Protein backbone atom coordinates (compact mmCIF):
# COMPACT_ATOMS: atom_id res chain seq x y z
CA MET A 1 75.32 100.21 92.96
CA ALA A 2 78.68 98.47 93.23
CA THR A 3 80.47 98.59 96.56
CA LYS A 4 84.13 99.37 96.71
CA GLN A 5 86.26 96.75 98.46
CA LYS A 6 89.01 97.74 100.80
CA SER A 7 92.43 96.70 99.63
CA LYS A 8 94.31 94.65 102.17
CA ARG A 9 97.80 96.02 102.54
CA ARG A 10 100.40 93.51 103.49
CA ALA A 11 103.08 94.56 105.93
CA PRO A 12 106.57 94.57 104.40
CA LYS A 13 108.99 91.77 105.28
CA LEU A 14 111.02 93.04 108.22
CA MET A 15 114.76 92.52 108.27
CA ILE A 16 115.07 92.88 112.06
CA ARG A 17 113.74 90.11 114.30
CA LYS A 18 113.38 89.43 118.00
CA GLY A 19 116.72 88.41 119.50
CA ASP A 20 118.89 90.31 116.98
CA THR A 21 121.60 92.67 118.17
CA VAL A 22 121.11 96.13 116.68
CA MET A 23 122.74 99.56 116.79
CA VAL A 24 120.83 102.84 116.88
CA ILE A 25 121.94 104.96 113.91
CA ALA A 26 119.78 108.06 114.51
CA GLY A 27 118.16 109.90 117.40
CA ASP A 28 119.02 110.62 121.02
CA ASP A 29 120.48 107.14 121.63
CA LYS A 30 122.66 107.13 118.50
CA GLY A 31 125.55 104.68 118.83
CA LYS A 32 123.96 102.49 121.53
CA THR A 33 123.57 98.76 120.93
CA GLY A 34 121.14 96.28 122.40
CA GLU A 35 119.08 93.16 121.84
CA VAL A 36 115.64 93.39 120.22
CA LEU A 37 113.02 92.40 122.81
CA GLU A 38 109.93 92.86 120.64
CA VAL A 39 109.08 93.84 117.06
CA ILE A 40 105.81 95.64 116.27
CA PRO A 41 105.25 95.17 112.49
CA SER A 42 102.01 97.16 112.31
CA LYS A 43 103.78 100.28 113.60
CA MET A 44 107.21 99.51 112.05
CA ARG A 45 108.84 99.79 115.48
CA ALA A 46 110.95 97.65 117.79
CA VAL A 47 111.70 97.61 121.52
CA VAL A 48 115.45 97.38 122.17
CA ASP A 49 116.97 96.55 125.56
CA GLY A 50 118.72 99.56 127.09
CA VAL A 51 117.65 102.02 124.37
CA ASN A 52 115.03 104.81 124.53
CA ILE A 53 114.47 104.41 128.28
CA VAL A 54 111.30 106.11 129.57
CA LYS A 55 109.84 106.43 133.07
CA LYS A 56 106.48 104.81 133.70
CA HIS A 57 104.46 105.86 136.74
CA THR A 58 102.41 102.97 138.11
CA LYS A 59 99.73 102.88 140.74
CA ALA A 60 100.02 100.15 143.36
CA THR A 61 97.75 97.12 142.93
CA GLN A 62 97.37 93.88 144.84
CA GLU A 63 99.83 92.18 142.48
CA GLN A 64 102.55 94.83 142.25
CA GLU A 65 104.06 97.70 144.13
CA GLY A 66 103.55 101.23 142.84
CA GLY A 67 106.25 103.69 141.90
CA ILE A 68 108.27 105.01 139.01
CA PHE A 69 109.79 102.34 136.78
CA GLU A 70 112.24 102.73 133.91
CA MET A 71 111.50 100.68 130.80
CA PRO A 72 112.54 100.71 127.14
CA ALA A 73 110.09 102.28 124.67
CA ALA A 74 109.72 101.41 120.99
CA VAL A 75 112.14 102.80 118.38
CA ASP A 76 111.39 103.21 114.68
CA LEU A 77 112.94 100.44 112.58
CA SER A 78 114.49 102.99 110.22
CA ASN A 79 116.71 104.16 113.10
CA LEU A 80 118.18 100.68 113.68
CA ALA A 81 120.95 98.78 111.91
CA LEU A 82 121.57 95.08 112.43
CA ILE A 83 124.96 94.12 113.86
CA ASP A 84 126.70 91.47 111.74
CA PRO A 85 127.44 88.58 114.17
CA LYS A 86 130.74 87.69 112.47
CA SER A 87 132.28 91.14 111.94
CA GLY A 88 130.53 93.04 114.75
CA GLU A 89 129.77 96.03 112.52
CA PRO A 90 126.37 97.53 111.64
CA THR A 91 125.15 96.44 108.22
CA ARG A 92 122.17 96.54 105.93
CA VAL A 93 120.30 93.28 105.47
CA GLY A 94 119.26 91.51 102.30
CA ARG A 95 117.28 88.35 101.58
CA ARG A 96 118.22 85.66 99.13
CA GLN A 97 117.03 82.18 98.30
CA GLN A 98 119.40 79.28 98.78
CA ASP A 99 119.69 76.29 96.48
CA ASP A 100 117.35 74.22 98.66
CA GLY A 101 114.62 76.88 98.41
CA THR A 102 114.92 78.39 101.89
CA TRP A 103 115.18 82.14 102.32
CA VAL A 104 118.03 83.52 104.44
CA ARG A 105 119.09 86.96 105.59
CA TYR A 106 122.58 88.10 104.66
CA SER A 107 124.86 91.04 105.45
CA LYS A 108 125.12 93.41 102.48
CA LYS A 109 128.48 94.63 103.78
CA SER A 110 130.27 91.28 104.09
CA GLY A 111 127.94 88.85 102.31
CA ASN A 112 127.80 86.54 105.37
CA ILE A 113 124.57 84.71 106.15
CA ILE A 114 123.00 86.00 109.35
């Protein structure tokens, strides 16, 4: 009897990276901007500084003090738009190959390389 192999799904190429400045385009924090602290490709989410702030209750340990801390939680990537560094406006992102063979991200609104 033949066994069925699992297909390995490859995660899509993400257009938002750590260190990018993004704007929230949907949800409770709509209109806020911040820097991407972490990208979680498996869940298609990103942690953005100053956006989606939640309270975390921590018990005191020998290393740290206990209490209630505020920290940013992950936001779905579909709710984020990259801020074009040159124009300062939110834009969609595309990928194109340059003449030397390297891939670059570019702003679909202005055409500038990001």
